[in-house]
Amino acid sequence: MDKDEIKGKLNDAAGRAKRQVGEWTDNEDLQAEGTAQQAEGKLQKGVGKVKDALREARDKVRDDVRDKVRDTNRDVERDAEHDAEAERRKKDVA
């Protein structure tokens, strides 16, 4: 979980509490402040989720590329061994 997501959850909860207190006390300024803080918290949570998704995608691409490079290197080594064996056989026949 990204730190922005955590901060967003805290801001959302704090804004919700502030808004509720504003409703109980008929304080429209506090209600508005709480609503704004809630909106900020929700946005922050969204940013954190996007960051997490991007990190996961980056890691998957990195792992896929690493696997492909490893497989390609293994194929090249196998082909080189095969070619070397073919050359040895050719020399043995000649």
C-alpha atoms as a PDB file:
ATOM      1  CA  MET A   1       0.000   0.000   0.000  1.00  0.00           C
ATOM      2  CA  ASP A   2       1.397   3.363  -1.009  1.00  0.00           C
ATOM      3  CA  LYS A   3       1.953   6.093   1.593  1.00  0.00           C
ATOM      4  CA  ASP A   4      -0.408   8.387  -0.335  1.00  0.00           C
ATOM      5  CA  GLU A   5      -3.139   5.791   0.000  1.00  0.00           C
ATOM      6  CA  ILE A   6      -2.602   5.654   3.770  1.00  0.00           C
ATOM      7  CA  LYS A   7      -2.525   9.442   4.082  1.00  0.00           C
ATOM      8  CA  GLY A   8      -5.657   9.602   1.940  1.00  0.00           C
ATOM      9  CA  LYS A   9      -7.501   7.208   4.215  1.00  0.00           C
ATOM     10  CA  LEU A  10      -6.524   9.297   7.233  1.00  0.00           C
ATOM     11  CA  ASN A  11      -7.582  12.536   5.522  1.00  0.00           C
ATOM     12  CA  ASP A  12     -10.870  10.976   4.460  1.00  0.00           C
ATOM     13  CA  ALA A  13     -11.601   9.799   8.006  1.00  0.00           C
ATOM     14  CA  ALA A  14     -10.584  13.126   9.556  1.00  0.00           C
ATOM     15  CA  GLY A  15     -12.704  15.026   7.032  1.00  0.00           C
ATOM     16  CA  ARG A  16     -15.663  12.763   7.685  1.00  0.00           C
ATOM     17  CA  ALA A  17     -15.349  13.383  11.433  1.00  0.00           C
ATOM     18  CA  LYS A  18     -14.985  17.128  10.924  1.00  0.00           C
ATOM     19  CA  ARG A  19     -18.002  17.214   8.629  1.00  0.00           C
ATOM     20  CA  GLN A  20     -20.063  15.233  11.126  1.00  0.00           C
ATOM     21  CA  VAL A  21     -19.129  17.560  13.983  1.00  0.00           C
ATOM     22  CA  GLY A  22     -20.082  20.492  11.757  1.00  0.00           C
ATOM     23  CA  GLU A  23     -23.471  18.897  11.133  1.00  0.00           C
ATOM     24  CA  TRP A  24     -24.069  18.269  14.836  1.00  0.00           C
ATOM     25  CA  THR A  25     -23.146  21.837  15.746  1.00  0.00           C
ATOM     26  CA  ASP A  26     -24.787  23.491  12.715  1.00  0.00           C
ATOM     27  CA  ASN A  27     -21.393  24.881  11.742  1.00  0.00           C
ATOM     28  CA  GLU A  28     -21.515  25.151   7.951  1.00  0.00           C
ATOM     29  CA  ASP A  29     -17.876  26.260   7.696  1.00  0.00           C
ATOM     30  CA  LEU A  30     -16.725  23.139   9.549  1.00  0.00           C
ATOM     31  CA  GLN A  31     -19.010  20.985   7.387  1.00  0.00           C
ATOM     32  CA  ALA A  32     -17.520  22.493   4.233  1.00  0.00           C
ATOM     33  CA  GLU A  33     -13.983  22.100   5.557  1.00  0.00           C
ATOM     34  CA  GLY A  34     -14.673  18.457   6.390  1.00  0.00           C
ATOM     35  CA  THR A  35     -16.210  17.776   3.009  1.00  0.00           C
ATOM     36  CA  ALA A  36     -13.185  19.330   1.287  1.00  0.00           C
ATOM     37  CA  GLN A  37     -10.804  17.285   3.431  1.00  0.00           C
ATOM     38  CA  GLN A  38     -12.758  14.130   2.590  1.00  0.00           C
ATOM     39  CA  ALA A  39     -12.509  14.900  -1.121  1.00  0.00           C
ATOM     40  CA  GLU A  40      -8.774  15.492  -0.767  1.00  0.00           C
ATOM     41  CA  GLY A  41      -8.437  12.186   1.079  1.00  0.00           C
ATOM     42  CA  LYS A  42     -10.337  10.290  -1.598  1.00  0.00           C
ATOM     43  CA  LEU A  43      -8.139  11.827  -4.277  1.00  0.00           C
ATOM     44  CA  GLN A  44      -5.016  10.960  -2.298  1.00  0.00           C
ATOM     45  CA  LYS A  45      -6.198   7.359  -1.951  1.00  0.00           C
ATOM     46  CA  GLY A  46      -6.736   7.203  -5.693  1.00  0.00           C
ATOM     47  CA  VAL A  47      -3.250   8.543  -6.383  1.00  0.00           C
ATOM     48  CA  GLY A  48      -1.801   5.919  -4.054  1.00  0.00           C
ATOM     49  CA  LYS A  49      -3.694   3.137  -5.809  1.00  0.00           C
ATOM     50  CA  VAL A  50      -2.461   4.332  -9.201  1.00  0.00           C
ATOM     51  CA  LYS A  51       1.127   4.410  -7.912  1.00  0.00           C
ATOM     52  CA  ASP A  52       0.744   0.861  -6.608  1.00  0.00           C
ATOM     53  CA  ALA A  53      -0.673  -0.308  -9.942  1.00  0.00           C
ATOM     54  CA  LEU A  54       2.188   1.345 -11.843  1.00  0.00           C
ATOM     55  CA  ARG A  55       4.787  -0.254  -9.567  1.00  0.00           C
ATOM     56  CA  GLU A  56       3.179  -3.665 -10.043  1.00  0.00           C
ATOM     57  CA  ALA A  57       3.112  -3.204 -13.822  1.00  0.00           C
ATOM     58  CA  ARG A  58       6.758  -2.081 -13.847  1.00  0.00           C
ATOM     59  CA  ASP A  59       7.789  -5.093 -11.775  1.00  0.00           C
ATOM     60  CA  LYS A  60       5.887  -7.473 -14.044  1.00  0.00           C
ATOM     61  CA  VAL A  61       7.479  -6.020 -17.175  1.00  0.00           C
ATOM     62  CA  ARG A  62      10.930  -6.181 -15.555  1.00  0.00           C
ATOM     63  CA  ASP A  63      10.388  -9.813 -14.551  1.00  0.00           C
ATOM     64  CA  ASP A  64       9.057 -10.733 -18.001  1.00  0.00           C
ATOM     65  CA  VAL A  65      12.058  -9.092 -19.704  1.00  0.00           C
ATOM     66  CA  ARG A  66      14.473 -10.791 -17.294  1.00  0.00           C
ATOM     67  CA  ASP A  67      12.857 -14.171 -18.048  1.00  0.00           C
ATOM     68  CA  LYS A  68      12.999 -13.539 -21.804  1.00  0.00           C
ATOM     69  CA  VAL A  69      16.684 -12.561 -21.647  1.00  0.00           C
ATOM     70  CA  ARG A  70      17.483 -15.642 -19.561  1.00  0.00           C
ATOM     71  CA  ASP A  71      15.610 -17.899 -22.018  1.00  0.00           C
ATOM     72  CA  THR A  72      17.313 -16.266 -25.003  1.00  0.00           C
ATOM     73  CA  ASN A  73      20.759 -16.669 -23.426  1.00  0.00           C
ATOM     74  CA  ARG A  74      20.025 -20.320 -22.706  1.00  0.00           C
ATOM     75  CA  ASP A  75      18.911 -20.826 -26.329  1.00  0.00           C
ATOM     76  CA  VAL A  76      22.049 -19.138 -27.661  1.00  0.00           C
ATOM     77  CA  GLU A  77      24.276 -21.308 -25.456  1.00  0.00           C
ATOM     78  CA  ARG A  78      22.435 -24.457 -26.535  1.00  0.00           C
ATOM     79  CA  ASP A  79      22.738 -23.481 -30.198  1.00  0.00           C
ATOM     80  CA  ALA A  80      26.459 -22.741 -29.768  1.00  0.00           C
ATOM     81  CA  GLU A  81      27.007 -26.158 -28.146  1.00  0.00           C
ATOM     82  CA  HIS A  82      25.046 -27.805 -30.945  1.00  0.00           C
ATOM     83  CA  ASP A  83      27.109 -25.993 -33.590  1.00  0.00           C
ATOM     84  CA  ALA A  84      30.357 -26.947 -31.843  1.00  0.00           C
ATOM     85  CA  GLU A  85      29.281 -30.597 -31.694  1.00  0.00           C
ATOM     86  CA  ALA A  86      28.381 -30.496 -35.389  1.00  0.00           C
ATOM     87  CA  GLU A  87      31.828 -29.091 -36.209  1.00  0.00           C
ATOM     88  CA  ARG A  88      33.526 -31.855 -34.150  1.00  0.00           C
ATOM     89  CA  ARG A  89      31.535 -34.521 -35.986  1.00  0.00           C
ATOM     90  CA  LYS A  90      32.406 -32.936 -39.326  1.00  0.00           C
ATOM     91  CA  LYS A  91      36.130 -33.047 -38.435  1.00  0.00           C
ATOM     92  CA  ASP A  92      35.858 -36.665 -37.233  1.00  0.00           C
ATOM     93  CA  VAL A  93      34.296 -37.734 -40.546  1.00  0.00           C
ATOM     94  CA  ALA A  94      36.871 -35.887 -42.629  1.00  0.00           C
END
